[in-house]
Amino acid sequence: MSLRQPSLAIRSDHNELRLVQFDFLRATEMAALNCMSWIGKGNKEAADAAACDAIRGMFDSMDICGEVVIGEGVKDQAPGLFTGERVGMWREGTPLFDILALDPLDGTTNVSRPA
C-alpha cells in the first residue's frame, strides 16, 4: 500500500499527521491479523475478504478524507477496495489522502494453500 498526501491538503499539525500515519500502520496490521484464520484452508476468497473487511473498517474509522486512486480491479469479483472509493470520516478540516496501489492481501493463493 502506498500513500501520497496531495499538495492541496489542508494543513494539519505534525502530531495529528503522525497519529494518522500510525492508523495506516494499524490498518495493515488488522488486515494481516484478520486473515490469519484462513491460512492453509484453501479458501483464498475468504482470506481476501477478511483482510479487506479489516482494512476498510480501520480506514472508515480514521479521521481523514481518503480516496482510493489505485485499488483492486473488478475483474475477478473479489472483495476489495476499488478505485474511486472514499474512505475515512470526511469531516471538515481533516487531511486529504490519495491511497495508491491498495491490495489488502497480497498472495491470496499462497495464504490459502495447505502447508
PDB file of N, CA and C in Angstrom:
ATOM      1  N   MET A   1       0.854  -1.151   0.000  1.00  0.00           N
ATOM      2  CA  MET A   1       0.000   0.000   0.000  1.00  0.00           C
ATOM      3  C   MET A   1       0.903   1.217   0.000  1.00  0.00           C
ATOM      4  N   SER A   2       0.582   2.160  -0.824  1.00  0.00           N
ATOM      5  CA  SER A   2       1.346   3.385  -0.927  1.00  0.00           C
ATOM      6  C   SER A   2       0.417   4.566  -0.697  1.00  0.00           C
ATOM      7  N   LEU A   3       0.877   5.545   0.046  1.00  0.00           N
ATOM      8  CA  LEU A   3       0.061   6.713   0.347  1.00  0.00           C
ATOM      9  C   LEU A   3       0.756   7.957  -0.166  1.00  0.00           C
ATOM     10  N   ARG A   4      -0.024   8.873  -0.676  1.00  0.00           N
ATOM     11  CA  ARG A   4       0.524  10.147  -1.126  1.00  0.00           C
ATOM     12  C   ARG A   4      -0.434  11.218  -0.667  1.00  0.00           C
ATOM     13  N   GLN A   5       0.099  12.163   0.085  1.00  0.00           N
ATOM     14  CA  GLN A   5      -0.753  13.254   0.526  1.00  0.00           C
ATOM     15  C   GLN A   5      -0.703  14.342  -0.547  1.00  0.00           C
ATOM     16  N   PRO A   6      -1.855  14.724  -1.087  1.00  0.00           N
ATOM     17  CA  PRO A   6      -1.880  15.726  -2.140  1.00  0.00           C
ATOM     18  C   PRO A   6      -1.401  17.084  -1.646  1.00  0.00           C
ATOM     19  N   SER A   7      -0.880  17.874  -2.553  1.00  0.00           N
ATOM     20  CA  SER A   7      -0.385  19.192  -2.175  1.00  0.00           C
ATOM     21  C   SER A   7      -1.512  20.132  -1.767  1.00  0.00           C
ATOM     22  N   LEU A   8      -2.746  19.834  -2.135  1.00  0.00           N
ATOM     23  CA  LEU A   8      -3.876  20.678  -1.776  1.00  0.00           C
ATOM     24  C   LEU A   8      -4.456  20.334  -0.413  1.00  0.00           C
ATOM     25  N   ALA A   9      -3.821  19.433   0.303  1.00  0.00           N
ATOM     26  CA  ALA A   9      -4.355  19.001   1.598  1.00  0.00           C
ATOM     27  C   ALA A   9      -4.390  20.159   2.577  1.00  0.00           C
ATOM     28  N   ILE A  10      -5.366  20.113   3.432  1.00  0.00           N
ATOM     29  CA  ILE A  10      -5.486  21.113   4.484  1.00  0.00           C
ATOM     30  C   ILE A  10      -4.330  20.894   5.447  1.00  0.00           C
ATOM     31  N   ARG A  11      -3.677  21.974   5.834  1.00  0.00           N
ATOM     32  CA  ARG A  11      -2.522  21.841   6.706  1.00  0.00           C
ATOM     33  C   ARG A  11      -2.954  21.427   8.110  1.00  0.00           C
ATOM     34  N   SER A  12      -2.331  20.390   8.609  1.00  0.00           N
ATOM     35  CA  SER A  12      -2.592  19.901   9.954  1.00  0.00           C
ATOM     36  C   SER A  12      -1.288  19.933  10.726  1.00  0.00           C
ATOM     37  N   ASP A  13      -1.391  19.941  12.032  1.00  0.00           N
ATOM     38  CA  ASP A  13      -0.154  19.950  12.797  1.00  0.00           C
ATOM     39  C   ASP A  13       0.549  18.599  12.678  1.00  0.00           C
ATOM     40  N   HIS A  14       1.820  18.618  12.990  1.00  0.00           N
ATOM     41  CA  HIS A  14       2.675  17.443  12.822  1.00  0.00           C
ATOM     42  C   HIS A  14       2.174  16.255  13.645  1.00  0.00           C
ATOM     43  N   ASN A  15       1.735  16.502  14.867  1.00  0.00           N
ATOM     44  CA  ASN A  15       1.272  15.410  15.734  1.00  0.00           C
ATOM     45  C   ASN A  15       0.031  14.730  15.180  1.00  0.00           C
ATOM     46  N   GLU A  16      -0.879  15.518  14.611  1.00  0.00           N
ATOM     47  CA  GLU A  16      -2.091  14.944  14.037  1.00  0.00           C
ATOM     48  C   GLU A  16      -1.751  14.028  12.862  1.00  0.00           C
ATOM     49  N   LEU A  17      -0.862  14.467  11.992  1.00  0.00           N
ATOM     50  CA  LEU A  17      -0.467  13.630  10.855  1.00  0.00           C
ATOM     51  C   LEU A  17       0.285  12.389  11.310  1.00  0.00           C
ATOM     52  N   ARG A  18       1.059  12.520  12.372  1.00  0.00           N
ATOM     53  CA  ARG A  18       1.771  11.354  12.897  1.00  0.00           C
ATOM     54  C   ARG A  18       0.779  10.305  13.396  1.00  0.00           C
ATOM     55  N   LEU A  19      -0.296  10.732  14.049  1.00  0.00           N
ATOM     56  CA  LEU A  19      -1.315   9.793  14.511  1.00  0.00           C
ATOM     57  C   LEU A  19      -1.996   9.105  13.327  1.00  0.00           C
ATOM     58  N   VAL A  20      -2.229   9.848  12.254  1.00  0.00           N
ATOM     59  CA  VAL A  20      -2.834   9.261  11.058  1.00  0.00           C
ATOM     60  C   VAL A  20      -1.896   8.218  10.460  1.00  0.00           C
ATOM     61  N   GLN A  21      -0.610   8.489  10.477  1.00  0.00           N
ATOM     62  CA  GLN A  21       0.351   7.514   9.965  1.00  0.00           C
ATOM     63  C   GLN A  21       0.282   6.217  10.763  1.00  0.00           C
ATOM     64  N   PHE A  22       0.141   6.317  12.070  1.00  0.00           N
ATOM     65  CA  PHE A  22       0.003   5.120  12.891  1.00  0.00           C
ATOM     66  C   PHE A  22      -1.300   4.389  12.588  1.00  0.00           C
ATOM     67  N   ASP A  23      -2.360   5.134  12.267  1.00  0.00           N
ATOM     68  CA  ASP A  23      -3.623   4.497  11.888  1.00  0.00           C
ATOM     69  C   ASP A  23      -3.471   3.690  10.608  1.00  0.00           C
ATOM     70  N   PHE A  24      -2.703   4.213   9.639  1.00  0.00           N
ATOM     71  CA  PHE A  24      -2.453   3.446   8.407  1.00  0.00           C
ATOM     72  C   PHE A  24      -1.679   2.169   8.723  1.00  0.00           C
ATOM     73  N   LEU A  25      -0.721   2.257   9.622  1.00  0.00           N
ATOM     74  CA  LEU A  25       0.028   1.074  10.045  1.00  0.00           C
ATOM     75  C   LEU A  25      -0.912   0.073  10.707  1.00  0.00           C
ATOM     76  N   ARG A  26      -1.794   0.550  11.582  1.00  0.00           N
ATOM     77  CA  ARG A  26      -2.752  -0.333  12.245  1.00  0.00           C
ATOM     78  C   ARG A  26      -3.685  -1.001  11.233  1.00  0.00           C
ATOM     79  N   ALA A  27      -4.060  -0.296  10.193  1.00  0.00           N
ATOM     80  CA  ALA A  27      -4.922  -0.873   9.162  1.00  0.00           C
ATOM     81  C   ALA A  27      -4.236  -2.065   8.505  1.00  0.00           C
ATOM     82  N   THR A  28      -2.955  -1.938   8.232  1.00  0.00           N
ATOM     83  CA  THR A  28      -2.188  -3.036   7.649  1.00  0.00           C
ATOM     84  C   THR A  28      -2.109  -4.210   8.606  1.00  0.00           C
ATOM     85  N   GLU A  29      -1.844  -3.911   9.884  1.00  0.00           N
ATOM     86  CA  GLU A  29      -1.779  -4.967  10.891  1.00  0.00           C
ATOM     87  C   GLU A  29      -3.116  -5.689  11.033  1.00  0.00           C
ATOM     88  N   MET A  30      -4.192  -4.934  11.065  1.00  0.00           N
ATOM     89  CA  MET A  30      -5.519  -5.523  11.224  1.00  0.00           C
ATOM     90  C   MET A  30      -5.859  -6.444  10.046  1.00  0.00           C
ATOM     91  N   ALA A  31      -5.475  -6.030   8.841  1.00  0.00           N
ATOM     92  CA  ALA A  31      -5.716  -6.869   7.665  1.00  0.00           C
ATOM     93  C   ALA A  31      -4.974  -8.188   7.793  1.00  0.00           C
ATOM     94  N   ALA A  32      -3.726  -8.135   8.233  1.00  0.00           N
ATOM     95  CA  ALA A  32      -2.934  -9.362   8.389  1.00  0.00           C
ATOM     96  C   ALA A  32      -3.521 -10.262   9.473  1.00  0.00           C
ATOM     97  N   LEU A  33      -3.875  -9.680  10.592  1.00  0.00           N
ATOM     98  CA  LEU A  33      -4.421 -10.473  11.697  1.00  0.00           C
ATOM     99  C   LEU A  33      -5.773 -11.083  11.357  1.00  0.00           C
ATOM    100  N   ASN A  34      -6.591 -10.343  10.629  1.00  0.00           N
ATOM    101  CA  ASN A  34      -7.939 -10.808  10.326  1.00  0.00           C
ATOM    102  C   ASN A  34      -7.953 -11.980   9.336  1.00  0.00           C
ATOM    103  N   CYS A  35      -6.934 -12.103   8.514  1.00  0.00           N
ATOM    104  CA  CYS A  35      -6.923 -13.214   7.550  1.00  0.00           C
ATOM    105  C   CYS A  35      -6.139 -14.426   8.059  1.00  0.00           C
ATOM    106  N   MET A  36      -5.552 -14.333   9.239  1.00  0.00           N
ATOM    107  CA  MET A  36      -4.746 -15.451   9.763  1.00  0.00           C
ATOM    108  C   MET A  36      -5.540 -16.743   9.909  1.00  0.00           C
ATOM    109  N   SER A  37      -6.808 -16.644  10.266  1.00  0.00           N
ATOM    110  CA  SER A  37      -7.596 -17.868  10.475  1.00  0.00           C
ATOM    111  C   SER A  37      -7.861 -18.615   9.166  1.00  0.00           C
ATOM    112  N   TRP A  38      -7.557 -18.002   8.032  1.00  0.00           N
ATOM    113  CA  TRP A  38      -7.782 -18.640   6.730  1.00  0.00           C
ATOM    114  C   TRP A  38      -6.514 -19.264   6.151  1.00  0.00           C
ATOM    115  N   ILE A  39      -5.407 -19.162   6.858  1.00  0.00           N
ATOM    116  CA  ILE A  39      -4.151 -19.719   6.357  1.00  0.00           C
ATOM    117  C   ILE A  39      -4.280 -21.232   6.201  1.00  0.00           C
ATOM    118  N   GLY A  40      -3.980 -21.723   4.998  1.00  0.00           N
ATOM    119  CA  GLY A  40      -3.953 -23.142   4.712  1.00  0.00           C
ATOM    120  C   GLY A  40      -5.302 -23.815   4.564  1.00  0.00           C
ATOM    121  N   LYS A  41      -6.380 -23.068   4.502  1.00  0.00           N
ATOM    122  CA  LYS A  41      -7.716 -23.663   4.434  1.00  0.00           C
ATOM    123  C   LYS A  41      -8.274 -23.742   3.022  1.00  0.00           C
ATOM    124  N   GLY A  42      -7.511 -23.302   2.026  1.00  0.00           N
ATOM    125  CA  GLY A  42      -7.924 -23.459   0.636  1.00  0.00           C
ATOM    126  C   GLY A  42      -9.011 -22.515   0.164  1.00  0.00           C
ATOM    127  N   ASN A  43      -9.283 -21.452   0.907  1.00  0.00           N
ATOM    128  CA  ASN A  43     -10.336 -20.524   0.518  1.00  0.00           C
ATOM    129  C   ASN A  43      -9.752 -19.118   0.394  1.00  0.00           C
ATOM    130  N   LYS A  44      -9.144 -18.866  -0.770  1.00  0.00           N
ATOM    131  CA  LYS A  44      -8.467 -17.585  -0.950  1.00  0.00           C
ATOM    132  C   LYS A  44      -9.434 -16.408  -0.954  1.00  0.00           C
ATOM    133  N   GLU A  45     -10.674 -16.609  -1.419  1.00  0.00           N
ATOM    134  CA  GLU A  45     -11.656 -15.528  -1.433  1.00  0.00           C
ATOM    135  C   GLU A  45     -12.020 -15.098  -0.013  1.00  0.00           C
ATOM    136  N   ALA A  46     -12.157 -16.073   0.886  1.00  0.00           N
ATOM    137  CA  ALA A  46     -12.484 -15.753   2.278  1.00  0.00           C
ATOM    138  C   ALA A  46     -11.320 -15.038   2.961  1.00  0.00           C
ATOM    139  N   ALA A  47     -10.098 -15.447   2.661  1.00  0.00           N
ATOM    140  CA  ALA A  47      -8.920 -14.788   3.234  1.00  0.00           C
ATOM    141  C   ALA A  47      -8.842 -13.347   2.750  1.00  0.00           C
ATOM    142  N   ASP A  48      -9.075 -13.137   1.466  1.00  0.00           N
ATOM    143  CA  ASP A  48      -9.047 -11.789   0.900  1.00  0.00           C
ATOM    144  C   ASP A  48     -10.171 -10.935   1.488  1.00  0.00           C
ATOM    145  N   ALA A  49     -11.347 -11.525   1.650  1.00  0.00           N
ATOM    146  CA  ALA A  49     -12.483 -10.787   2.222  1.00  0.00           C
ATOM    147  C   ALA A  49     -12.201 -10.385   3.663  1.00  0.00           C
ATOM    148  N   ALA A  50     -11.577 -11.269   4.422  1.00  0.00           N
ATOM    149  CA  ALA A  50     -11.255 -10.972   5.817  1.00  0.00           C
ATOM    150  C   ALA A  50     -10.272  -9.799   5.912  1.00  0.00           C
ATOM    151  N   ALA A  51      -9.247  -9.820   5.062  1.00  0.00           N
ATOM    152  CA  ALA A  51      -8.274  -8.726   5.058  1.00  0.00           C
ATOM    153  C   ALA A  51      -8.930  -7.423   4.627  1.00  0.00           C
ATOM    154  N   CYS A  52      -9.770  -7.503   3.614  1.00  0.00           N
ATOM    155  CA  CYS A  52     -10.451  -6.318   3.098  1.00  0.00           C
ATOM    156  C   CYS A  52     -11.401  -5.722   4.142  1.00  0.00           C
ATOM    157  N   ASP A  53     -12.157  -6.568   4.814  1.00  0.00           N
ATOM    158  CA  ASP A  53     -13.076  -6.084   5.842  1.00  0.00           C
ATOM    159  C   ASP A  53     -12.333  -5.340   6.946  1.00  0.00           C
ATOM    160  N   ALA A  54     -11.197  -5.887   7.347  1.00  0.00           N
ATOM    161  CA  ALA A  54     -10.416  -5.268   8.418  1.00  0.00           C
ATOM    162  C   ALA A  54      -9.853  -3.918   7.994  1.00  0.00           C
ATOM    163  N   ILE A  55      -9.289  -3.870   6.797  1.00  0.00           N
ATOM    164  CA  ILE A  55      -8.676  -2.621   6.354  1.00  0.00           C
ATOM    165  C   ILE A  55      -9.738  -1.548   6.091  1.00  0.00           C
ATOM    166  N   ARG A  56     -10.876  -1.949   5.537  1.00  0.00           N
ATOM    167  CA  ARG A  56     -11.961  -0.990   5.295  1.00  0.00           C
ATOM    168  C   ARG A  56     -12.504  -0.459   6.622  1.00  0.00           C
ATOM    169  N   GLY A  57     -12.684  -1.350   7.582  1.00  0.00           N
ATOM    170  CA  GLY A  57     -13.168  -0.926   8.894  1.00  0.00           C
ATOM    171  C   GLY A  57     -12.237   0.069   9.552  1.00  0.00           C
ATOM    172  N   MET A  58     -10.952  -0.185   9.459  1.00  0.00           N
ATOM    173  CA  MET A  58      -9.979   0.739  10.047  1.00  0.00           C
ATOM    174  C   MET A  58      -9.966   2.061   9.290  1.00  0.00           C
ATOM    175  N   PHE A  59      -9.947   1.995   7.966  1.00  0.00           N
ATOM    176  CA  PHE A  59      -9.948   3.223   7.172  1.00  0.00           C
ATOM    177  C   PHE A  59     -11.175   4.076   7.477  1.00  0.00           C
ATOM    178  N   ASP A  60     -12.339   3.437   7.586  1.00  0.00           N
ATOM    179  CA  ASP A  60     -13.569   4.201   7.804  1.00  0.00           C
ATOM    180  C   ASP A  60     -13.630   4.844   9.185  1.00  0.00           C
ATOM    181  N   SER A  61     -12.846   4.357  10.133  1.00  0.00           N
ATOM    182  CA  SER A  61     -12.826   4.966  11.460  1.00  0.00           C
ATOM    183  C   SER A  61     -11.775   6.061  11.585  1.00  0.00           C
ATOM    184  N   MET A  62     -10.954   6.231  10.543  1.00  0.00           N
ATOM    185  CA  MET A  62      -9.885   7.227  10.593  1.00  0.00           C
ATOM    186  C   MET A  62     -10.415   8.625  10.290  1.00  0.00           C
ATOM    187  N   ASP A  63      -9.804   9.599  10.928  1.00  0.00           N
ATOM    188  CA  ASP A  63     -10.202  10.993  10.755  1.00  0.00           C
ATOM    189  C   ASP A  63      -9.465  11.596   9.559  1.00  0.00           C
ATOM    190  N   ILE A  64      -9.832  11.114   8.373  1.00  0.00           N
ATOM    191  CA  ILE A  64      -9.208  11.565   7.130  1.00  0.00           C
ATOM    192  C   ILE A  64     -10.285  11.712   6.049  1.00  0.00           C
ATOM    193  N   CYS A  65      -9.897  12.355   4.975  1.00  0.00           N
ATOM    194  CA  CYS A  65     -10.665  12.356   3.730  1.00  0.00           C
ATOM    195  C   CYS A  65      -9.799  11.581   2.746  1.00  0.00           C
ATOM    196  N   GLY A  66     -10.132  10.328   2.507  1.00  0.00           N
ATOM    197  CA  GLY A  66      -9.294   9.489   1.657  1.00  0.00           C
ATOM    198  C   GLY A  66     -10.037   8.984   0.444  1.00  0.00           C
ATOM    199  N   GLU A  67      -9.304   8.882  -0.636  1.00  0.00           N
ATOM    200  CA  GLU A  67      -9.865   8.304  -1.856  1.00  0.00           C
ATOM    201  C   GLU A  67      -8.887   7.295  -2.420  1.00  0.00           C
ATOM    202  N   VAL A  68      -9.407   6.108  -2.759  1.00  0.00           N
ATOM    203  CA  VAL A  68      -8.581   5.071  -3.369  1.00  0.00           C
ATOM    204  C   VAL A  68      -8.358   5.476  -4.827  1.00  0.00           C
ATOM    205  N   VAL A  69      -7.110   5.769  -5.170  1.00  0.00           N
ATOM    206  CA  VAL A  69      -6.770   6.207  -6.527  1.00  0.00           C
ATOM    207  C   VAL A  69      -6.402   5.000  -7.388  1.00  0.00           C
ATOM    208  N   ILE A  70      -5.683   4.058  -6.809  1.00  0.00           N
ATOM    209  CA  ILE A  70      -5.359   2.815  -7.499  1.00  0.00           C
ATOM    210  C   ILE A  70      -5.736   1.689  -6.545  1.00  0.00           C
ATOM    211  N   GLY A  71      -6.818   0.995  -6.841  1.00  0.00           N
ATOM    212  CA  GLY A  71      -7.287  -0.087  -5.989  1.00  0.00           C
ATOM    213  C   GLY A  71      -7.325  -1.385  -6.763  1.00  0.00           C
ATOM    214  N   GLU A  72      -8.024  -2.360  -6.199  1.00  0.00           N
ATOM    215  CA  GLU A  72      -8.158  -3.637  -6.882  1.00  0.00           C
ATOM    216  C   GLU A  72      -9.149  -3.498  -8.027  1.00  0.00           C
ATOM    217  N   GLY A  73      -8.977  -4.337  -9.007  1.00  0.00           N
ATOM    218  CA  GLY A  73      -9.883  -4.335 -10.142  1.00  0.00           C
ATOM    219  C   GLY A  73     -11.121  -5.162  -9.869  1.00  0.00           C
ATOM    220  N   VAL A  74     -12.119  -4.997 -10.686  1.00  0.00           N
ATOM    221  CA  VAL A  74     -13.371  -5.721 -10.533  1.00  0.00           C
ATOM    222  C   VAL A  74     -13.336  -7.030 -11.327  1.00  0.00           C
ATOM    223  N   LYS A  75     -12.242  -7.302 -12.012  1.00  0.00           N
ATOM    224  CA  LYS A  75     -12.163  -8.408 -12.961  1.00  0.00           C
ATOM    225  C   LYS A  75     -12.525  -9.776 -12.391  1.00  0.00           C
ATOM    226  N   ASP A  76     -12.107 -10.071 -11.160  1.00  0.00           N
ATOM    227  CA  ASP A  76     -12.371 -11.403 -10.622  1.00  0.00           C
ATOM    228  C   ASP A  76     -13.474 -11.407  -9.568  1.00  0.00           C
ATOM    229  N   GLN A  77     -14.186 -10.321  -9.435  1.00  0.00           N
ATOM    230  CA  GLN A  77     -15.276 -10.167  -8.475  1.00  0.00           C
ATOM    231  C   GLN A  77     -14.829 -10.482  -7.051  1.00  0.00           C
ATOM    232  N   ALA A  78     -13.577 -10.240  -6.756  1.00  0.00           N
ATOM    233  CA  ALA A  78     -13.065 -10.433  -5.407  1.00  0.00           C
ATOM    234  C   ALA A  78     -13.446  -9.228  -4.557  1.00  0.00           C
ATOM    235  N   PRO A  79     -13.548  -9.438  -3.253  1.00  0.00           N
ATOM    236  CA  PRO A  79     -13.807  -8.284  -2.388  1.00  0.00           C
ATOM    237  C   PRO A  79     -12.598  -7.367  -2.432  1.00  0.00           C
ATOM    238  N   GLY A  80     -12.800  -6.124  -2.254  1.00  0.00           N
ATOM    239  CA  GLY A  80     -11.663  -5.224  -2.273  1.00  0.00           C
ATOM    240  C   GLY A  80     -12.061  -3.786  -2.083  1.00  0.00           C
ATOM    241  N   LEU A  81     -11.063  -2.949  -2.034  1.00  0.00           N
ATOM    242  CA  LEU A  81     -11.249  -1.503  -2.034  1.00  0.00           C
ATOM    243  C   LEU A  81     -10.932  -1.055  -3.448  1.00  0.00           C
ATOM    244  N   PHE A  82     -11.878  -0.426  -4.083  1.00  0.00           N
ATOM    245  CA  PHE A  82     -11.789  -0.182  -5.512  1.00  0.00           C
ATOM    246  C   PHE A  82     -11.475   1.264  -5.832  1.00  0.00           C
ATOM    247  N   THR A  83     -10.917   1.482  -6.996  1.00  0.00           N
ATOM    248  CA  THR A  83     -10.590   2.810  -7.473  1.00  0.00           C
ATOM    249  C   THR A  83     -11.820   3.708  -7.388  1.00  0.00           C
ATOM    250  N   GLY A  84     -11.630   4.886  -6.798  1.00  0.00           N
ATOM    251  CA  GLY A  84     -12.710   5.852  -6.660  1.00  0.00           C
ATOM    252  C   GLY A  84     -13.464   5.754  -5.347  1.00  0.00           C
ATOM    253  N   GLU A  85     -13.243   4.689  -4.599  1.00  0.00           N
ATOM    254  CA  GLU A  85     -13.934   4.523  -3.318  1.00  0.00           C
ATOM    255  C   GLU A  85     -13.400   5.527  -2.303  1.00  0.00           C
ATOM    256  N   ARG A  86     -14.310   6.100  -1.529  1.00  0.00           N
ATOM    257  CA  ARG A  86     -13.931   7.058  -0.489  1.00  0.00           C
ATOM    258  C   ARG A  86     -13.864   6.339   0.854  1.00  0.00           C
ATOM    259  N   VAL A  87     -12.830   6.650   1.610  1.00  0.00           N
ATOM    260  CA  VAL A  87     -12.652   6.078   2.938  1.00  0.00           C
ATOM    261  C   VAL A  87     -12.365   7.195   3.929  1.00  0.00           C
ATOM    262  N   GLY A  88     -12.585   6.911   5.175  1.00  0.00           N
ATOM    263  CA  GLY A  88     -12.363   7.906   6.214  1.00  0.00           C
ATOM    264  C   GLY A  88     -13.673   8.546   6.628  1.00  0.00           C
ATOM    265  N   MET A  89     -13.577   9.435   7.597  1.00  0.00           N
ATOM    266  CA  MET A  89     -14.781  10.064   8.152  1.00  0.00           C
ATOM    267  C   MET A  89     -15.228  11.290   7.364  1.00  0.00           C
ATOM    268  N   TRP A  90     -14.341  11.878   6.589  1.00  0.00           N
ATOM    269  CA  TRP A  90     -14.654  13.019   5.730  1.00  0.00           C
ATOM    270  C   TRP A  90     -15.260  14.190   6.514  1.00  0.00           C
ATOM    271  N   ARG A  91     -14.628  14.510   7.622  1.00  0.00           N
ATOM    272  CA  ARG A  91     -15.056  15.693   8.374  1.00  0.00           C
ATOM    273  C   ARG A  91     -14.286  16.899   7.885  1.00  0.00           C
ATOM    274  N   GLU A  92     -14.913  18.033   7.973  1.00  0.00           N
ATOM    275  CA  GLU A  92     -14.278  19.268   7.522  1.00  0.00           C
ATOM    276  C   GLU A  92     -12.994  19.522   8.302  1.00  0.00           C
ATOM    277  N   GLY A  93     -11.945  19.875   7.569  1.00  0.00           N
ATOM    278  CA  GLY A  93     -10.664  20.202   8.185  1.00  0.00           C
ATOM    279  C   GLY A  93      -9.727  19.026   8.374  1.00  0.00           C
ATOM    280  N   THR A  94     -10.165  17.810   8.016  1.00  0.00           N
ATOM    281  CA  THR A  94      -9.269  16.666   8.161  1.00  0.00           C
ATOM    282  C   THR A  94      -8.377  16.538   6.928  1.00  0.00           C
ATOM    283  N   PRO A  95      -7.212  15.925   7.085  1.00  0.00           N
ATOM    284  CA  PRO A  95      -6.273  15.833   5.965  1.00  0.00           C
ATOM    285  C   PRO A  95      -6.806  14.970   4.820  1.00  0.00           C
ATOM    286  N   LEU A  96      -6.441  15.362   3.614  1.00  0.00           N
ATOM    287  CA  LEU A  96      -6.804  14.624   2.399  1.00  0.00           C
ATOM    288  C   LEU A  96      -5.696  13.638   2.057  1.00  0.00           C
ATOM    289  N   PHE A  97      -6.091  12.434   1.627  1.00  0.00           N
ATOM    290  CA  PHE A  97      -5.116  11.429   1.213  1.00  0.00           C
ATOM    291  C   PHE A  97      -5.586  10.725  -0.043  1.00  0.00           C
ATOM    292  N   ASP A  98      -4.645  10.521  -0.971  1.00  0.00           N
ATOM    293  CA  ASP A  98      -4.843   9.614  -2.098  1.00  0.00           C
ATOM    294  C   ASP A  98      -4.235   8.288  -1.671  1.00  0.00           C
ATOM    295  N   ILE A  99      -4.976   7.215  -1.842  1.00  0.00           N
ATOM    296  CA  ILE A  99      -4.483   5.902  -1.454  1.00  0.00           C
ATOM    297  C   ILE A  99      -4.180   5.136  -2.737  1.00  0.00           C
ATOM    298  N   LEU A 100      -2.902   4.812  -2.921  1.00  0.00           N
ATOM    299  CA  LEU A 100      -2.411   4.229  -4.167  1.00  0.00           C
ATOM    300  C   LEU A 100      -2.058   2.755  -3.982  1.00  0.00           C
ATOM    301  N   ALA A 101      -2.302   1.984  -5.002  1.00  0.00           N
ATOM    302  CA  ALA A 101      -1.884   0.579  -5.075  1.00  0.00           C
ATOM    303  C   ALA A 101      -2.329  -0.214  -3.850  1.00  0.00           C
ATOM    304  N   LEU A 102      -3.618  -0.230  -3.620  1.00  0.00           N
ATOM    305  CA  LEU A 102      -4.173  -0.891  -2.444  1.00  0.00           C
ATOM    306  C   LEU A 102      -4.564  -2.330  -2.758  1.00  0.00           C
ATOM    307  N   ASP A 103      -3.975  -3.261  -2.043  1.00  0.00           N
ATOM    308  CA  ASP A 103      -4.321  -4.683  -2.123  1.00  0.00           C
ATOM    309  C   ASP A 103      -4.268  -5.204  -0.686  1.00  0.00           C
ATOM    310  N   PRO A 104      -5.428  -5.379  -0.023  1.00  0.00           N
ATOM    311  CA  PRO A 104      -5.418  -5.762   1.391  1.00  0.00           C
ATOM    312  C   PRO A 104      -4.665  -7.047   1.695  1.00  0.00           C
ATOM    313  N   LEU A 105      -4.670  -8.003   0.762  1.00  0.00           N
ATOM    314  CA  LEU A 105      -3.938  -9.255   0.978  1.00  0.00           C
ATOM    315  C   LEU A 105      -3.206  -9.617  -0.309  1.00  0.00           C
ATOM    316  N   ASP A 106      -1.898  -9.512  -0.278  1.00  0.00           N
ATOM    317  CA  ASP A 106      -1.088  -9.882  -1.423  1.00  0.00           C
ATOM    318  C   ASP A 106      -0.692 -11.350  -1.259  1.00  0.00           C
ATOM    319  N   GLY A 107      -0.909 -12.147  -2.264  1.00  0.00           N
ATOM    320  CA  GLY A 107      -0.561 -13.565  -2.206  1.00  0.00           C
ATOM    321  C   GLY A 107      -1.692 -14.416  -1.643  1.00  0.00           C
ATOM    322  N   THR A 108      -2.909 -14.165  -2.091  1.00  0.00           N
ATOM    323  CA  THR A 108      -4.054 -14.912  -1.566  1.00  0.00           C
ATOM    324  C   THR A 108      -3.926 -16.411  -1.795  1.00  0.00           C
ATOM    325  N   THR A 109      -3.412 -16.815  -2.937  1.00  0.00           N
ATOM    326  CA  THR A 109      -3.250 -18.242  -3.227  1.00  0.00           C
ATOM    327  C   THR A 109      -2.258 -18.865  -2.262  1.00  0.00           C
ATOM    328  N   ASN A 110      -1.153 -18.192  -2.016  1.00  0.00           N
ATOM    329  CA  ASN A 110      -0.149 -18.715  -1.078  1.00  0.00           C
ATOM    330  C   ASN A 110      -0.716 -18.833   0.329  1.00  0.00           C
ATOM    331  N   VAL A 111      -1.526 -17.878   0.732  1.00  0.00           N
ATOM    332  CA  VAL A 111      -2.132 -17.928   2.062  1.00  0.00           C
ATOM    333  C   VAL A 111      -3.084 -19.099   2.182  1.00  0.00           C
ATOM    334  N   SER A 112      -3.848 -19.357   1.144  1.00  0.00           N
ATOM    335  CA  SER A 112      -4.891 -20.383   1.219  1.00  0.00           C
ATOM    336  C   SER A 112      -4.373 -21.817   1.068  1.00  0.00           C
ATOM    337  N   ARG A 113      -3.197 -21.988   0.501  1.00  0.00           N
ATOM    338  CA  ARG A 113      -2.662 -23.346   0.285  1.00  0.00           C
ATOM    339  C   ARG A 113      -2.281 -24.023   1.590  1.00  0.00           C
ATOM    340  N   PRO A 114      -2.639 -25.294   1.722  1.00  0.00           N
ATOM    341  CA  PRO A 114      -2.177 -26.057   2.897  1.00  0.00           C
ATOM    342  C   PRO A 114      -0.660 -26.220   2.843  1.00  0.00           C
ATOM    343  N   ALA A 115      -0.065 -26.270   3.994  1.00  0.00           N
ATOM    344  CA  ALA A 115       1.394 -26.383   4.089  1.00  0.00           C
ATOM    345  C   ALA A 115       1.879 -27.732   3.633  1.00  0.00           C
TER     346      ALA A 115
END
